[in-house]
C-alpha cells in the first residue's frame, strides 16, 4: 500500500519501542492505546 502516508511512521514508532527493550505484546499494547487516543471520545475535556 505504497500510498499510505502513515504506515512508515507507525513502523518507525514500533522500531523505536523495540529499541527500548519492549516485547512484542508490550509494543502492540502501546500502539493500540496510542492510536486509539486520537479519537474525540478518548480526549479529556480540559479547561485551558
ModelCIF file with pLDDT and N, C-alpha, C, O atoms, coordinates in Angstrom:
data_MODEL
#
_entry.id   MODEL 
#
_entity.id                         1 
_entity.type                       polymer 
_entity.pdbx_number_of_molecules   1 
#
_entity_poly.entity_id                      1 
_entity_poly.type                           'polypeptide(L)' 
_entity_poly.nstd_linkage                   no 
_entity_poly.nstd_monomer                   no 
_entity_poly.pdbx_seq_one_letter_code       
;(UNK)(UNK)(UNK)(UNK)(UNK)(UNK)(UNK)(UNK)(UNK)(UNK)(UNK)(UNK)(UNK)(UNK)(UNK)(UNK)
(UNK)(UNK)(UNK)(UNK)(UNK)(UNK)(UNK)(UNK)(UNK)(UNK)(UNK)(UNK)(UNK)(UNK)(UNK)(UNK)
(UNK)(UNK)(UNK)(UNK)(UNK)(UNK)(UNK)(UNK)(UNK)(UNK)(UNK)(UNK)(UNK)(UNK)(UNK)(UNK)
;
_entity_poly.pdbx_seq_one_letter_code_can   XXXXXXXXXXXXXXXXXXXXXXXXXXXXXXXXXXXXXXXXXXXXXXXX 
_entity_poly.pdbx_strand_id                 A 
#
loop_
_entity_poly_seq.entity_id 
_entity_poly_seq.num 
_entity_poly_seq.mon_id 
_entity_poly_seq.hetero 
1 1  UNK n 
1 2  UNK n 
1 3  UNK n 
1 4  UNK n 
1 5  UNK n 
1 6  UNK n 
1 7  UNK n 
1 8  UNK n 
1 9  UNK n 
1 10 UNK n 
1 11 UNK n 
1 12 UNK n 
1 13 UNK n 
1 14 UNK n 
1 15 UNK n 
1 16 UNK n 
1 17 UNK n 
1 18 UNK n 
1 19 UNK n 
1 20 UNK n 
1 21 UNK n 
1 22 UNK n 
1 23 UNK n 
1 24 UNK n 
1 25 UNK n 
1 26 UNK n 
1 27 UNK n 
1 28 UNK n 
1 29 UNK n 
1 30 UNK n 
1 31 UNK n 
1 32 UNK n 
1 33 UNK n 
1 34 UNK n 
1 35 UNK n 
1 36 UNK n 
1 37 UNK n 
1 38 UNK n 
1 39 UNK n 
1 40 UNK n 
1 41 UNK n 
1 42 UNK n 
1 43 UNK n 
1 44 UNK n 
1 45 UNK n 
1 46 UNK n 
1 47 UNK n 
1 48 UNK n 
#
_struct_asym.id          A 
_struct_asym.entity_id   1 
#
loop_
_ma_qa_metric.id 
_ma_qa_metric.mode 
_ma_qa_metric.name 
_ma_qa_metric.software_group_id 
_ma_qa_metric.type 
1 global pLDDT . pLDDT 
2 local  pLDDT . pLDDT 
#
_ma_qa_metric_global.metric_id      1 
_ma_qa_metric_global.metric_value   94.56 
_ma_qa_metric_global.model_id       1 
_ma_qa_metric_global.ordinal_id     1 
#
loop_
_ma_qa_metric_local.label_asym_id 
_ma_qa_metric_local.label_comp_id 
_ma_qa_metric_local.label_seq_id 
_ma_qa_metric_local.metric_id 
_ma_qa_metric_local.metric_value 
_ma_qa_metric_local.model_id 
_ma_qa_metric_local.ordinal_id 
A UNK 1  2 86.00 1 1  
A UNK 2  2 80.00 1 2  
A UNK 3  2 82.00 1 3  
A UNK 4  2 86.00 1 4  
A UNK 5  2 84.00 1 5  
A UNK 6  2 87.00 1 6  
A UNK 7  2 93.00 1 7  
A UNK 8  2 94.00 1 8  
A UNK 9  2 94.00 1 9  
A UNK 10 2 95.00 1 10 
A UNK 11 2 97.00 1 11 
A UNK 12 2 96.00 1 12 
A UNK 13 2 97.00 1 13 
A UNK 14 2 98.00 1 14 
A UNK 15 2 98.00 1 15 
A UNK 16 2 97.00 1 16 
A UNK 17 2 98.00 1 17 
A UNK 18 2 98.00 1 18 
A UNK 19 2 97.00 1 19 
A UNK 20 2 96.00 1 20 
A UNK 21 2 97.00 1 21 
A UNK 22 2 98.00 1 22 
A UNK 23 2 98.00 1 23 
A UNK 24 2 98.00 1 24 
A UNK 25 2 98.00 1 25 
A UNK 26 2 98.00 1 26 
A UNK 27 2 98.00 1 27 
A UNK 28 2 98.00 1 28 
A UNK 29 2 97.00 1 29 
A UNK 30 2 97.00 1 30 
A UNK 31 2 97.00 1 31 
A UNK 32 2 95.00 1 32 
A UNK 33 2 96.00 1 33 
A UNK 34 2 96.00 1 34 
A UNK 35 2 94.00 1 35 
A UNK 36 2 93.00 1 36 
A UNK 37 2 95.00 1 37 
A UNK 38 2 93.00 1 38 
A UNK 39 2 92.00 1 39 
A UNK 40 2 93.00 1 40 
A UNK 41 2 94.00 1 41 
A UNK 42 2 95.00 1 42 
A UNK 43 2 96.00 1 43 
A UNK 44 2 97.00 1 44 
A UNK 45 2 94.00 1 45 
A UNK 46 2 97.00 1 46 
A UNK 47 2 96.00 1 47 
A UNK 48 2 96.00 1 48 
#
loop_
_atom_site.group_PDB 
_atom_site.id 
_atom_site.type_symbol 
_atom_site.label_atom_id 
_atom_site.label_alt_id 
_atom_site.label_comp_id 
_atom_site.label_asym_id 
_atom_site.label_entity_id 
_atom_site.label_seq_id 
_atom_site.pdbx_PDB_ins_code 
_atom_site.Cartn_x 
_atom_site.Cartn_y 
_atom_site.Cartn_z 
_atom_site.occupancy 
_atom_site.B_iso_or_equiv 
_atom_site.pdbx_formal_charge 
_atom_site.auth_seq_id 
_atom_site.auth_comp_id 
_atom_site.auth_asym_id 
_atom_site.auth_atom_id 
_atom_site.pdbx_PDB_model_num 
ATOM 1   N N  . UNK A 1 1  ? 0.860   -1.186 0.000  1.00 86.00 ? 1  UNK A N  1 
ATOM 2   C CA . UNK A 1 1  ? 0.000   0.000  0.000  1.00 86.00 ? 1  UNK A CA 1 
ATOM 3   C C  . UNK A 1 1  ? 0.897   1.237  0.000  1.00 86.00 ? 1  UNK A C  1 
ATOM 4   O O  . UNK A 1 1  ? 0.986   1.970  0.985  1.00 86.00 ? 1  UNK A O  1 
ATOM 5   N N  . UNK A 1 2  ? 1.551   1.439  -1.126 1.00 80.00 ? 2  UNK A N  1 
ATOM 6   C CA . UNK A 1 2  ? 2.563   2.490  -1.217 1.00 80.00 ? 2  UNK A CA 1 
ATOM 7   C C  . UNK A 1 2  ? 1.997   3.885  -0.958 1.00 80.00 ? 2  UNK A C  1 
ATOM 8   O O  . UNK A 1 2  ? 2.739   4.795  -0.586 1.00 80.00 ? 2  UNK A O  1 
ATOM 9   N N  . UNK A 1 3  ? 0.694   4.059  -1.152 1.00 82.00 ? 3  UNK A N  1 
ATOM 10  C CA . UNK A 1 3  ? 0.107   5.383  -0.953 1.00 82.00 ? 3  UNK A CA 1 
ATOM 11  C C  . UNK A 1 3  ? -0.149  5.742  0.494  1.00 82.00 ? 3  UNK A C  1 
ATOM 12  O O  . UNK A 1 3  ? -0.509  6.883  0.783  1.00 82.00 ? 3  UNK A O  1 
ATOM 13  N N  . UNK A 1 4  ? 0.024   4.802  1.417  1.00 86.00 ? 4  UNK A N  1 
ATOM 14  C CA . UNK A 1 4  ? -0.238  5.088  2.833  1.00 86.00 ? 4  UNK A CA 1 
ATOM 15  C C  . UNK A 1 4  ? 0.855   5.991  3.391  1.00 86.00 ? 4  UNK A C  1 
ATOM 16  O O  . UNK A 1 4  ? 2.035   5.644  3.355  1.00 86.00 ? 4  UNK A O  1 
ATOM 17  N N  . UNK A 1 5  ? 0.464   7.129  3.898  1.00 84.00 ? 5  UNK A N  1 
ATOM 18  C CA . UNK A 1 5  ? 1.429   8.074  4.453  1.00 84.00 ? 5  UNK A CA 1 
ATOM 19  C C  . UNK A 1 5  ? 1.778   7.763  5.906  1.00 84.00 ? 5  UNK A C  1 
ATOM 20  O O  . UNK A 1 5  ? 2.806   8.201  6.422  1.00 84.00 ? 5  UNK A O  1 
ATOM 21  N N  . UNK A 1 6  ? 0.899   6.998  6.552  1.00 87.00 ? 6  UNK A N  1 
ATOM 22  C CA . UNK A 1 6  ? 1.124   6.827  7.979  1.00 87.00 ? 6  UNK A CA 1 
ATOM 23  C C  . UNK A 1 6  ? 1.863   5.549  8.345  1.00 87.00 ? 6  UNK A C  1 
ATOM 24  O O  . UNK A 1 6  ? 2.517   5.505  9.386  1.00 87.00 ? 6  UNK A O  1 
ATOM 25  N N  . UNK A 1 7  ? 1.781   4.519  7.531  1.00 93.00 ? 7  UNK A N  1 
ATOM 26  C CA . UNK A 1 7  ? 2.437   3.252  7.866  1.00 93.00 ? 7  UNK A CA 1 
ATOM 27  C C  . UNK A 1 7  ? 3.924   3.426  8.174  1.00 93.00 ? 7  UNK A C  1 
ATOM 28  O O  . UNK A 1 7  ? 4.404   2.823  9.134  1.00 93.00 ? 7  UNK A O  1 
ATOM 29  N N  . UNK A 1 8  ? 4.677   4.222  7.405  1.00 94.00 ? 8  UNK A N  1 
ATOM 30  C CA . UNK A 1 8  ? 6.095   4.384  7.751  1.00 94.00 ? 8  UNK A CA 1 
ATOM 31  C C  . UNK A 1 8  ? 6.301   4.979  9.141  1.00 94.00 ? 8  UNK A C  1 
ATOM 32  O O  . UNK A 1 8  ? 7.254   4.622  9.832  1.00 94.00 ? 8  UNK A O  1 
ATOM 33  N N  . UNK A 1 9  ? 5.407   5.890  9.557  1.00 94.00 ? 9  UNK A N  1 
ATOM 34  C CA . UNK A 1 9  ? 5.557   6.484  10.889 1.00 94.00 ? 9  UNK A CA 1 
ATOM 35  C C  . UNK A 1 9  ? 5.189   5.475  11.975 1.00 94.00 ? 9  UNK A C  1 
ATOM 36  O O  . UNK A 1 9  ? 5.851   5.414  13.011 1.00 94.00 ? 9  UNK A O  1 
ATOM 37  N N  . UNK A 1 10 ? 4.146   4.688  11.749 1.00 95.00 ? 10 UNK A N  1 
ATOM 38  C CA . UNK A 1 10 ? 3.785   3.664  12.721 1.00 95.00 ? 10 UNK A CA 1 
ATOM 39  C C  . UNK A 1 10 ? 4.912   2.639  12.848 1.00 95.00 ? 10 UNK A C  1 
ATOM 40  O O  . UNK A 1 10 ? 5.227   2.189  13.950 1.00 95.00 ? 10 UNK A O  1 
ATOM 41  N N  . UNK A 1 11 ? 5.516   2.273  11.718 1.00 97.00 ? 11 UNK A N  1 
ATOM 42  C CA . UNK A 1 11 ? 6.627   1.326  11.744 1.00 97.00 ? 11 UNK A CA 1 
ATOM 43  C C  . UNK A 1 11 ? 7.835   1.911  12.458 1.00 97.00 ? 11 UNK A C  1 
ATOM 44  O O  . UNK A 1 11 ? 8.544   1.208  13.178 1.00 97.00 ? 11 UNK A O  1 
ATOM 45  N N  . UNK A 1 12 ? 8.064   3.197  12.254 1.00 96.00 ? 12 UNK A N  1 
ATOM 46  C CA . UNK A 1 12 ? 9.162   3.873  12.940 1.00 96.00 ? 12 UNK A CA 1 
ATOM 47  C C  . UNK A 1 12 ? 8.948   3.823  14.445 1.00 96.00 ? 12 UNK A C  1 
ATOM 48  O O  . UNK A 1 12 ? 9.888   3.586  15.204 1.00 96.00 ? 12 UNK A O  1 
ATOM 49  N N  . UNK A 1 13 ? 7.705   4.048  14.876 1.00 97.00 ? 13 UNK A N  1 
ATOM 50  C CA . UNK A 1 13 ? 7.393   4.005  16.306 1.00 97.00 ? 13 UNK A CA 1 
ATOM 51  C C  . UNK A 1 13 ? 7.595   2.593  16.849 1.00 97.00 ? 13 UNK A C  1 
ATOM 52  O O  . UNK A 1 13 ? 8.177   2.419  17.920 1.00 97.00 ? 13 UNK A O  1 
ATOM 53  N N  . UNK A 1 14 ? 7.121   1.589  16.124 1.00 98.00 ? 14 UNK A N  1 
ATOM 54  C CA . UNK A 1 14 ? 7.286   0.201  16.572 1.00 98.00 ? 14 UNK A CA 1 
ATOM 55  C C  . UNK A 1 14 ? 8.765   -0.143 16.713 1.00 98.00 ? 14 UNK A C  1 
ATOM 56  O O  . UNK A 1 14 ? 9.162   -0.798 17.677 1.00 98.00 ? 14 UNK A O  1 
ATOM 57  N N  . UNK A 1 15 ? 9.584   0.298  15.753 1.00 98.00 ? 15 UNK A N  1 
ATOM 58  C CA . UNK A 1 15 ? 11.015  0.010  15.816 1.00 98.00 ? 15 UNK A CA 1 
ATOM 59  C C  . UNK A 1 15 ? 11.658  0.708  17.011 1.00 98.00 ? 15 UNK A C  1 
ATOM 60  O O  . UNK A 1 15 ? 12.521  0.135  17.676 1.00 98.00 ? 15 UNK A O  1 
ATOM 61  N N  . UNK A 1 16 ? 11.244  1.935  17.283 1.00 97.00 ? 16 UNK A N  1 
ATOM 62  C CA . UNK A 1 16 ? 11.834  2.655  18.420 1.00 97.00 ? 16 UNK A CA 1 
ATOM 63  C C  . UNK A 1 16 ? 11.450  2.002  19.738 1.00 97.00 ? 16 UNK A C  1 
ATOM 64  O O  . UNK A 1 16 ? 12.263  1.947  20.661 1.00 97.00 ? 16 UNK A O  1 
ATOM 65  N N  . UNK A 1 17 ? 10.221  1.505  19.838 1.00 98.00 ? 17 UNK A N  1 
ATOM 66  C CA . UNK A 1 17 ? 9.796   0.812  21.053 1.00 98.00 ? 17 UNK A CA 1 
ATOM 67  C C  . UNK A 1 17 ? 10.571  -0.498 21.219 1.00 98.00 ? 17 UNK A C  1 
ATOM 68  O O  . UNK A 1 17 ? 10.922  -0.882 22.334 1.00 98.00 ? 17 UNK A O  1 
ATOM 69  N N  . UNK A 1 18 ? 10.828  -1.168 20.118 1.00 98.00 ? 18 UNK A N  1 
ATOM 70  C CA . UNK A 1 18 ? 11.669  -2.369 20.188 1.00 98.00 ? 18 UNK A CA 1 
ATOM 71  C C  . UNK A 1 18 ? 13.060  -2.009 20.688 1.00 98.00 ? 18 UNK A C  1 
ATOM 72  O O  . UNK A 1 18 ? 13.671  -2.762 21.446 1.00 98.00 ? 18 UNK A O  1 
ATOM 73  N N  . UNK A 1 19 ? 13.553  -0.857 20.259 1.00 97.00 ? 19 UNK A N  1 
ATOM 74  C CA . UNK A 1 19 ? 14.863  -0.399 20.700 1.00 97.00 ? 19 UNK A CA 1 
ATOM 75  C C  . UNK A 1 19 ? 14.921  -0.074 22.180 1.00 97.00 ? 19 UNK A C  1 
ATOM 76  O O  . UNK A 1 19 ? 15.999  -0.092 22.773 1.00 97.00 ? 19 UNK A O  1 
ATOM 77  N N  . UNK A 1 20 ? 13.777  0.226  22.789 1.00 96.00 ? 20 UNK A N  1 
ATOM 78  C CA . UNK A 1 20 ? 13.717  0.473  24.229 1.00 96.00 ? 20 UNK A CA 1 
ATOM 79  C C  . UNK A 1 20 ? 13.711  -0.826 25.030 1.00 96.00 ? 20 UNK A C  1 
ATOM 80  O O  . UNK A 1 20 ? 13.824  -0.802 26.255 1.00 96.00 ? 20 UNK A O  1 
ATOM 81  N N  . UNK A 1 21 ? 13.580  -1.959 24.340 1.00 97.00 ? 21 UNK A N  1 
ATOM 82  C CA . UNK A 1 21 ? 13.584  -3.240 25.030 1.00 97.00 ? 21 UNK A CA 1 
ATOM 83  C C  . UNK A 1 21 ? 12.216  -3.832 25.284 1.00 97.00 ? 21 UNK A C  1 
ATOM 84  O O  . UNK A 1 21 ? 12.101  -4.822 26.006 1.00 97.00 ? 21 UNK A O  1 
ATOM 85  N N  . UNK A 1 22 ? 11.168  -3.248 24.705 1.00 98.00 ? 22 UNK A N  1 
ATOM 86  C CA . UNK A 1 22 ? 9.824   -3.779 24.916 1.00 98.00 ? 22 UNK A CA 1 
ATOM 87  C C  . UNK A 1 22 ? 9.624   -5.059 24.118 1.00 98.00 ? 22 UNK A C  1 
ATOM 88  O O  . UNK A 1 22 ? 10.171  -5.214 23.026 1.00 98.00 ? 22 UNK A O  1 
ATOM 89  N N  . UNK A 1 23 ? 8.841   -5.971 24.669 1.00 98.00 ? 23 UNK A N  1 
ATOM 90  C CA . UNK A 1 23 ? 8.486   -7.210 23.998 1.00 98.00 ? 23 UNK A CA 1 
ATOM 91  C C  . UNK A 1 23 ? 7.358   -6.945 23.003 1.00 98.00 ? 23 UNK A C  1 
ATOM 92  O O  . UNK A 1 23 ? 6.693   -5.913 23.093 1.00 98.00 ? 23 UNK A O  1 
ATOM 93  N N  . UNK A 1 24 ? 7.127   -7.868 22.043 1.00 98.00 ? 24 UNK A N  1 
ATOM 94  C CA . UNK A 1 24 ? 6.076   -7.643 21.044 1.00 98.00 ? 24 UNK A CA 1 
ATOM 95  C C  . UNK A 1 24 ? 4.707   -7.320 21.636 1.00 98.00 ? 24 UNK A C  1 
ATOM 96  O O  . UNK A 1 24 ? 4.037   -6.402 21.165 1.00 98.00 ? 24 UNK A O  1 
ATOM 97  N N  . UNK A 1 25 ? 4.279   -8.060 22.663 1.00 98.00 ? 25 UNK A N  1 
ATOM 98  C CA . UNK A 1 25 ? 2.966   -7.805 23.251 1.00 98.00 ? 25 UNK A CA 1 
ATOM 99  C C  . UNK A 1 25 ? 2.901   -6.415 23.867 1.00 98.00 ? 25 UNK A C  1 
ATOM 100 O O  . UNK A 1 25 ? 1.871   -5.746 23.783 1.00 98.00 ? 25 UNK A O  1 
ATOM 101 N N  . UNK A 1 26 ? 3.989   -5.979 24.485 1.00 98.00 ? 26 UNK A N  1 
ATOM 102 C CA . UNK A 1 26 ? 4.025   -4.638 25.074 1.00 98.00 ? 26 UNK A CA 1 
ATOM 103 C C  . UNK A 1 26 ? 3.946   -3.566 23.993 1.00 98.00 ? 26 UNK A C  1 
ATOM 104 O O  . UNK A 1 26 ? 3.248   -2.563 24.148 1.00 98.00 ? 26 UNK A O  1 
ATOM 105 N N  . UNK A 1 27 ? 4.667   -3.787 22.900 1.00 98.00 ? 27 UNK A N  1 
ATOM 106 C CA . UNK A 1 27 ? 4.652   -2.813 21.803 1.00 98.00 ? 27 UNK A CA 1 
ATOM 107 C C  . UNK A 1 27 ? 3.250   -2.713 21.208 1.00 98.00 ? 27 UNK A C  1 
ATOM 108 O O  . UNK A 1 27 ? 2.750   -1.614 20.968 1.00 98.00 ? 27 UNK A O  1 
ATOM 109 N N  . UNK A 1 28 ? 2.622   -3.854 20.972 1.00 98.00 ? 28 UNK A N  1 
ATOM 110 C CA . UNK A 1 28 ? 1.275   -3.835 20.388 1.00 98.00 ? 28 UNK A CA 1 
ATOM 111 C C  . UNK A 1 28 ? 0.289   -3.133 21.317 1.00 98.00 ? 28 UNK A C  1 
ATOM 112 O O  . UNK A 1 28 ? -0.614  -2.439 20.850 1.00 98.00 ? 28 UNK A O  1 
ATOM 113 N N  . UNK A 1 29 ? 0.453   -3.305 22.618 1.00 97.00 ? 29 UNK A N  1 
ATOM 114 C CA . UNK A 1 29 ? -0.419  -2.616 23.581 1.00 97.00 ? 29 UNK A CA 1 
ATOM 115 C C  . UNK A 1 29 ? -0.218  -1.105 23.504 1.00 97.00 ? 29 UNK A C  1 
ATOM 116 O O  . UNK A 1 29 ? -1.186  -0.344 23.486 1.00 97.00 ? 29 UNK A O  1 
ATOM 117 N N  . UNK A 1 30 ? 1.048   -0.672 23.457 1.00 97.00 ? 30 UNK A N  1 
ATOM 118 C CA . UNK A 1 30 ? 1.329   0.760  23.339 1.00 97.00 ? 30 UNK A CA 1 
ATOM 119 C C  . UNK A 1 30 ? 0.744   1.314  22.043 1.00 97.00 ? 30 UNK A C  1 
ATOM 120 O O  . UNK A 1 30 ? 0.120   2.375  22.054 1.00 97.00 ? 30 UNK A O  1 
ATOM 121 N N  . UNK A 1 31 ? 0.937   0.616  20.936 1.00 97.00 ? 31 UNK A N  1 
ATOM 122 C CA . UNK A 1 31 ? 0.423   1.092  19.648 1.00 97.00 ? 31 UNK A CA 1 
ATOM 123 C C  . UNK A 1 31 ? -1.095  1.198  19.668 1.00 97.00 ? 31 UNK A C  1 
ATOM 124 O O  . UNK A 1 31 ? -1.655  2.188  19.196 1.00 97.00 ? 31 UNK A O  1 
ATOM 125 N N  . UNK A 1 32 ? -1.766  0.185  20.212 1.00 95.00 ? 32 UNK A N  1 
ATOM 126 C CA . UNK A 1 32 ? -3.232  0.202  20.257 1.00 95.00 ? 32 UNK A CA 1 
ATOM 127 C C  . UNK A 1 32 ? -3.739  1.384  21.071 1.00 95.00 ? 32 UNK A C  1 
ATOM 128 O O  . UNK A 1 32 ? -4.641  2.100  20.635 1.00 95.00 ? 32 UNK A O  1 
ATOM 129 N N  . UNK A 1 33 ? -3.162  1.592  22.255 1.00 96.00 ? 33 UNK A N  1 
ATOM 130 C CA . UNK A 1 33 ? -3.612  2.683  23.119 1.00 96.00 ? 33 UNK A CA 1 
ATOM 131 C C  . UNK A 1 33 ? -3.248  4.043  22.524 1.00 96.00 ? 33 UNK A C  1 
ATOM 132 O O  . UNK A 1 33 ? -4.027  4.992  22.616 1.00 96.00 ? 33 UNK A O  1 
ATOM 133 N N  . UNK A 1 34 ? -2.073  4.134  21.920 1.00 96.00 ? 34 UNK A N  1 
ATOM 134 C CA . UNK A 1 34 ? -1.630  5.397  21.348 1.00 96.00 ? 34 UNK A CA 1 
ATOM 135 C C  . UNK A 1 34 ? -2.558  5.850  20.238 1.00 96.00 ? 34 UNK A C  1 
ATOM 136 O O  . UNK A 1 34 ? -3.010  6.995  20.243 1.00 96.00 ? 34 UNK A O  1 
ATOM 137 N N  . UNK A 1 35 ? -2.854  4.964  19.274 1.00 94.00 ? 35 UNK A N  1 
ATOM 138 C CA . UNK A 1 35 ? -3.682  5.380  18.140 1.00 94.00 ? 35 UNK A CA 1 
ATOM 139 C C  . UNK A 1 35 ? -5.151  5.542  18.524 1.00 94.00 ? 35 UNK A C  1 
ATOM 140 O O  . UNK A 1 35 ? -5.851  6.366  17.936 1.00 94.00 ? 35 UNK A O  1 
ATOM 141 N N  . UNK A 1 36 ? -5.624  4.777  19.492 1.00 93.00 ? 36 UNK A N  1 
ATOM 142 C CA . UNK A 1 36 ? -6.999  4.961  19.954 1.00 93.00 ? 36 UNK A CA 1 
ATOM 143 C C  . UNK A 1 36 ? -7.184  6.317  20.626 1.00 93.00 ? 36 UNK A C  1 
ATOM 144 O O  . UNK A 1 36 ? -8.286  6.867  20.629 1.00 93.00 ? 36 UNK A O  1 
ATOM 145 N N  . UNK A 1 37 ? -6.103  6.858  21.199 1.00 95.00 ? 37 UNK A N  1 
ATOM 146 C CA . UNK A 1 37 ? -6.216  8.114  21.944 1.00 95.00 ? 37 UNK A CA 1 
ATOM 147 C C  . UNK A 1 37 ? -6.513  9.308  21.064 1.00 95.00 ? 37 UNK A C  1 
ATOM 148 O O  . UNK A 1 37 ? -6.879  10.365 21.577 1.00 95.00 ? 37 UNK A O  1 
ATOM 149 N N  . UNK A 1 38 ? -6.368  9.175  19.740 1.00 93.00 ? 38 UNK A N  1 
ATOM 150 C CA . UNK A 1 38 ? -6.629  10.312 18.862 1.00 93.00 ? 38 UNK A CA 1 
ATOM 151 C C  . UNK A 1 38 ? -8.122  10.582 18.681 1.00 93.00 ? 38 UNK A C  1 
ATOM 152 O O  . UNK A 1 38 ? -8.506  11.709 18.370 1.00 93.00 ? 38 UNK A O  1 
ATOM 153 N N  . UNK A 1 39 ? -8.957  9.583  18.868 1.00 92.00 ? 39 UNK A N  1 
ATOM 154 C CA . UNK A 1 39 ? -10.388 9.768  18.647 1.00 92.00 ? 39 UNK A CA 1 
ATOM 155 C C  . UNK A 1 39 ? -10.985 10.696 19.704 1.00 92.00 ? 39 UNK A C  1 
ATOM 156 O O  . UNK A 1 39 ? -10.566 10.688 20.862 1.00 92.00 ? 39 UNK A O  1 
ATOM 157 N N  . UNK A 1 40 ? -11.952 11.483 19.295 1.00 93.00 ? 40 UNK A N  1 
ATOM 158 C CA . UNK A 1 40 ? -12.543 12.503 20.169 1.00 93.00 ? 40 UNK A CA 1 
ATOM 159 C C  . UNK A 1 40 ? -13.029 11.965 21.505 1.00 93.00 ? 40 UNK A C  1 
ATOM 160 O O  . UNK A 1 40 ? -12.767 12.606 22.523 1.00 93.00 ? 40 UNK A O  1 
ATOM 161 N N  . UNK A 1 41 ? -13.731 10.811 21.575 1.00 94.00 ? 41 UNK A N  1 
ATOM 162 C CA . UNK A 1 41 ? -14.219 10.340 22.873 1.00 94.00 ? 41 UNK A CA 1 
ATOM 163 C C  . UNK A 1 41 ? -13.114 10.041 23.872 1.00 94.00 ? 41 UNK A C  1 
ATOM 164 O O  . UNK A 1 41 ? -13.366 10.017 25.077 1.00 94.00 ? 41 UNK A O  1 
ATOM 165 N N  . UNK A 1 42 ? -11.897 9.813  23.396 1.00 95.00 ? 42 UNK A N  1 
ATOM 166 C CA . UNK A 1 42 ? -10.786 9.499  24.282 1.00 95.00 ? 42 UNK A CA 1 
ATOM 167 C C  . UNK A 1 42 ? -10.101 10.754 24.827 1.00 95.00 ? 42 UNK A C  1 
ATOM 168 O O  . UNK A 1 42 ? -9.301  10.669 25.758 1.00 95.00 ? 42 UNK A O  1 
ATOM 169 N N  . UNK A 1 43 ? -10.404 11.891 24.263 1.00 96.00 ? 43 UNK A N  1 
ATOM 170 C CA . UNK A 1 43 ? -9.714  13.114 24.657 1.00 96.00 ? 43 UNK A CA 1 
ATOM 171 C C  . UNK A 1 43 ? -10.353 13.733 25.903 1.00 96.00 ? 43 UNK A C  1 
ATOM 172 O O  . UNK A 1 43 ? -11.576 13.797 26.024 1.00 96.00 ? 43 UNK A O  1 
ATOM 173 N N  . UNK A 1 44 ? -9.521  14.174 26.801 1.00 97.00 ? 44 UNK A N  1 
ATOM 174 C CA . UNK A 1 44 ? -10.004 14.803 28.032 1.00 97.00 ? 44 UNK A CA 1 
ATOM 175 C C  . UNK A 1 44 ? -10.544 16.189 27.722 1.00 97.00 ? 44 UNK A C  1 
ATOM 176 O O  . UNK A 1 44 ? -10.010 16.906 26.876 1.00 97.00 ? 44 UNK A O  1 
ATOM 177 N N  . UNK A 1 45 ? -11.606 16.551 28.418 1.00 94.00 ? 45 UNK A N  1 
ATOM 178 C CA . UNK A 1 45 ? -12.179 17.888 28.284 1.00 94.00 ? 45 UNK A CA 1 
ATOM 179 C C  . UNK A 1 45 ? -11.485 18.804 29.295 1.00 94.00 ? 45 UNK A C  1 
ATOM 180 O O  . UNK A 1 45 ? -11.911 18.916 30.444 1.00 94.00 ? 45 UNK A O  1 
ATOM 181 N N  . UNK A 1 46 ? -10.432 19.443 28.856 1.00 97.00 ? 46 UNK A N  1 
ATOM 182 C CA . UNK A 1 46 ? -9.615  20.256 29.747 1.00 97.00 ? 46 UNK A CA 1 
ATOM 183 C C  . UNK A 1 46 ? -9.955  21.739 29.624 1.00 97.00 ? 46 UNK A C  1 
ATOM 184 O O  . UNK A 1 46 ? -10.147 22.254 28.522 1.00 97.00 ? 46 UNK A O  1 
ATOM 185 N N  . UNK A 1 47 ? -10.025 22.410 30.756 1.00 96.00 ? 47 UNK A N  1 
ATOM 186 C CA . UNK A 1 47 ? -10.187 23.854 30.771 1.00 96.00 ? 47 UNK A CA 1 
ATOM 187 C C  . UNK A 1 47 ? -8.821  24.470 30.510 1.00 96.00 ? 47 UNK A C  1 
ATOM 188 O O  . UNK A 1 47 ? -7.906  24.314 31.318 1.00 96.00 ? 47 UNK A O  1 
ATOM 189 N N  . UNK A 1 48 ? -8.675  25.160 29.400 1.00 96.00 ? 48 UNK A N  1 
ATOM 190 C CA . UNK A 1 48 ? -7.411  25.829 29.096 1.00 96.00 ? 48 UNK A CA 1 
ATOM 191 C C  . UNK A 1 48 ? -7.562  27.351 29.095 1.00 96.00 ? 48 UNK A C  1 
ATOM 192 O O  . UNK A 1 48 ? -6.590  28.068 28.857 1.00 96.00 ? 48 UNK A O  1 
#
